[in-house]
Amino acid sequence: MISQLRIYTINRGMMESWIKLFKDHIKPNHEKYGIPVEYSWVNSDQTEFIWVRSFDNIDIIESKEKEYYSSPERLAMADQPQKHIAKTEVRIVEPTGV
């Protein structure tokens, strides 16, 4: 299992609408296309939304992302996600077994 730690800086004043968009559309659609969302957090002081999504292995990330981003559900959201996000950081992380 491999995961992506995703840190989004959300535009000021938009966290509430981002969380609704994430809860109602982004998370369920990720899971529908085989990309489980493991956790999510908010760092209110930094207006950050932090979440983790997982994949069976690193080799399938590209194909799973392509499937998700070209899905009718994602296309229907148009630029709604981008309107909320000021900055995106993505880090690949692996379990340590500890």
C-alpha atoms as a PDB file:
ATOM      1  CA  MET A   1       0.000   0.000   0.000  1.00  0.00           C
ATOM      2  CA  ILE A   2       1.186   3.485  -0.867  1.00  0.00           C
ATOM      3  CA  SER A   3      -0.462   6.768   0.046  1.00  0.00           C
ATOM      4  CA  GLN A   4      -0.526  10.375  -0.967  1.00  0.00           C
ATOM      5  CA  LEU A   5      -0.484  12.988   1.747  1.00  0.00           C
ATOM      6  CA  ARG A   6      -2.246  15.944   0.139  1.00  0.00           C
ATOM      7  CA  ILE A   7      -2.054  19.406   1.702  1.00  0.00           C
ATOM      8  CA  TYR A   8      -4.312  22.044   0.205  1.00  0.00           C
ATOM      9  CA  THR A   9      -4.217  25.670   1.261  1.00  0.00           C
ATOM     10  CA  ILE A  10      -7.837  26.738   0.944  1.00  0.00           C
ATOM     11  CA  ASN A  11      -8.690  30.309   0.024  1.00  0.00           C
ATOM     12  CA  ARG A  12      -9.720  32.351   3.066  1.00  0.00           C
ATOM     13  CA  GLY A  13     -13.424  32.164   3.808  1.00  0.00           C
ATOM     14  CA  MET A  14     -13.930  29.076   1.637  1.00  0.00           C
ATOM     15  CA  MET A  15     -13.162  26.210   4.058  1.00  0.00           C
ATOM     16  CA  GLU A  16     -16.813  25.504   4.849  1.00  0.00           C
ATOM     17  CA  SER A  17     -17.810  25.275   1.186  1.00  0.00           C
ATOM     18  CA  TRP A  18     -14.658  23.214   0.440  1.00  0.00           C
ATOM     19  CA  ILE A  19     -15.535  20.685   3.147  1.00  0.00           C
ATOM     20  CA  LYS A  20     -19.068  20.381   1.751  1.00  0.00           C
ATOM     21  CA  LEU A  21     -17.721  19.869  -1.785  1.00  0.00           C
ATOM     22  CA  PHE A  22     -15.215  17.313  -0.496  1.00  0.00           C
ATOM     23  CA  LYS A  23     -17.800  15.430   1.586  1.00  0.00           C
ATOM     24  CA  ASP A  24     -20.565  15.446  -1.028  1.00  0.00           C
ATOM     25  CA  HIS A  25     -18.580  14.960  -4.230  1.00  0.00           C
ATOM     26  CA  ILE A  26     -14.816  14.572  -4.082  1.00  0.00           C
ATOM     27  CA  LYS A  27     -14.514  11.812  -1.461  1.00  0.00           C
ATOM     28  CA  PRO A  28     -17.387   9.624  -2.725  1.00  0.00           C
ATOM     29  CA  ASN A  29     -16.192   9.911  -6.315  1.00  0.00           C
ATOM     30  CA  HIS A  30     -12.618   9.035  -5.396  1.00  0.00           C
ATOM     31  CA  GLU A  31     -13.894   5.957  -3.615  1.00  0.00           C
ATOM     32  CA  LYS A  32     -16.201   5.061  -6.513  1.00  0.00           C
ATOM     33  CA  TYR A  33     -13.140   4.957  -8.784  1.00  0.00           C
ATOM     34  CA  GLY A  34     -11.057   2.849  -6.416  1.00  0.00           C
ATOM     35  CA  ILE A  35      -9.077   5.573  -4.622  1.00  0.00           C
ATOM     36  CA  PRO A  36      -9.915   5.257  -0.913  1.00  0.00           C
ATOM     37  CA  VAL A  37      -9.739   8.433   1.162  1.00  0.00           C
ATOM     38  CA  GLU A  38      -8.244   7.272   4.441  1.00  0.00           C
ATOM     39  CA  TYR A  39      -8.230  10.443   6.566  1.00  0.00           C
ATOM     40  CA  SER A  40      -8.817  14.176   6.413  1.00  0.00           C
ATOM     41  CA  TRP A  41      -8.011  17.053   8.764  1.00  0.00           C
ATOM     42  CA  VAL A  42      -8.242  20.829   8.906  1.00  0.00           C
ATOM     43  CA  ASN A  43      -5.450  23.101  10.117  1.00  0.00           C
ATOM     44  CA  SER A  44      -7.578  26.197  10.664  1.00  0.00           C
ATOM     45  CA  ASP A  45      -4.644  28.473  11.558  1.00  0.00           C
ATOM     46  CA  GLN A  46      -3.089  27.894   8.132  1.00  0.00           C
ATOM     47  CA  THR A  47      -6.373  27.392   6.226  1.00  0.00           C
ATOM     48  CA  GLU A  48      -5.088  23.957   5.246  1.00  0.00           C
ATOM     49  CA  PHE A  49      -7.112  20.902   4.351  1.00  0.00           C
ATOM     50  CA  ILE A  50      -4.961  17.797   4.723  1.00  0.00           C
ATOM     51  CA  TRP A  51      -6.002  14.396   3.492  1.00  0.00           C
ATOM     52  CA  VAL A  52      -4.644  10.973   2.656  1.00  0.00           C
ATOM     53  CA  ARG A  53      -5.688   8.759  -0.216  1.00  0.00           C
ATOM     54  CA  SER A  54      -4.276   5.299  -0.852  1.00  0.00           C
ATOM     55  CA  PHE A  55      -3.363   3.020  -3.733  1.00  0.00           C
ATOM     56  CA  ASP A  56      -2.333  -0.626  -3.922  1.00  0.00           C
ATOM     57  CA  ASN A  57       1.031   0.385  -5.394  1.00  0.00           C
ATOM     58  CA  ILE A  58       2.799   3.324  -7.005  1.00  0.00           C
ATOM     59  CA  ASP A  59       2.381   1.921 -10.517  1.00  0.00           C
ATOM     60  CA  ILE A  60      -1.398   2.384 -10.565  1.00  0.00           C
ATOM     61  CA  ILE A  61      -1.533   6.002  -9.385  1.00  0.00           C
ATOM     62  CA  GLU A  62      -1.395   7.485 -12.876  1.00  0.00           C
ATOM     63  CA  SER A  63      -4.112   5.237 -14.321  1.00  0.00           C
ATOM     64  CA  LYS A  64      -6.414   5.651 -11.301  1.00  0.00           C
ATOM     65  CA  GLU A  65      -6.018   9.441 -11.415  1.00  0.00           C
ATOM     66  CA  LYS A  66      -6.728   9.482 -15.149  1.00  0.00           C
ATOM     67  CA  GLU A  67      -9.866   7.401 -14.613  1.00  0.00           C
ATOM     68  CA  TYR A  68     -11.057   9.702 -11.811  1.00  0.00           C
ATOM     69  CA  TYR A  69     -10.277  13.025 -13.534  1.00  0.00           C
ATOM     70  CA  SER A  70     -11.984  11.931 -16.766  1.00  0.00           C
ATOM     71  CA  SER A  71     -15.080  10.565 -15.002  1.00  0.00           C
ATOM     72  CA  PRO A  72     -18.484  12.189 -15.606  1.00  0.00           C
ATOM     73  CA  GLU A  73     -18.727  13.007 -11.900  1.00  0.00           C
ATOM     74  CA  ARG A  74     -15.405  14.877 -11.849  1.00  0.00           C
ATOM     75  CA  LEU A  75     -16.117  16.651 -15.125  1.00  0.00           C
ATOM     76  CA  ALA A  76     -19.470  17.816 -13.713  1.00  0.00           C
ATOM     77  CA  MET A  77     -17.618  19.623 -10.904  1.00  0.00           C
ATOM     78  CA  ALA A  78     -15.804  21.711 -13.539  1.00  0.00           C
ATOM     79  CA  ASP A  79     -13.491  24.188 -11.802  1.00  0.00           C
ATOM     80  CA  GLN A  80     -15.210  24.131  -8.393  1.00  0.00           C
ATOM     81  CA  PRO A  81     -12.251  22.462  -6.645  1.00  0.00           C
ATOM     82  CA  GLN A  82      -9.691  24.823  -8.193  1.00  0.00           C
ATOM     83  CA  LYS A  83     -11.702  27.880  -7.105  1.00  0.00           C
ATOM     84  CA  HIS A  84     -11.209  26.814  -3.489  1.00  0.00           C
ATOM     85  CA  ILE A  85      -7.529  25.894  -3.585  1.00  0.00           C
ATOM     86  CA  ALA A  86      -4.721  28.452  -3.387  1.00  0.00           C
ATOM     87  CA  LYS A  87      -1.875  25.914  -3.147  1.00  0.00           C
ATOM     88  CA  THR A  88      -1.465  22.148  -3.444  1.00  0.00           C
ATOM     89  CA  GLU A  89       1.280  19.936  -2.035  1.00  0.00           C
ATOM     90  CA  VAL A  90       1.346  16.187  -2.668  1.00  0.00           C
ATOM     91  CA  ARG A  91       3.757  13.787  -0.991  1.00  0.00           C
ATOM     92  CA  ILE A  92       4.057  10.057  -1.580  1.00  0.00           C
ATOM     93  CA  VAL A  93       4.349   8.205   1.748  1.00  0.00           C
ATOM     94  CA  GLU A  94       4.785   4.550   2.625  1.00  0.00           C
ATOM     95  CA  PRO A  95       4.072   2.709   5.868  1.00  0.00           C
ATOM     96  CA  THR A  96       7.069   1.969   8.059  1.00  0.00           C
ATOM     97  CA  GLY A  97       5.642  -1.177   9.613  1.00  0.00           C
ATOM     98  CA  VAL A  98       6.284   0.232  13.081  1.00  0.00           C
END
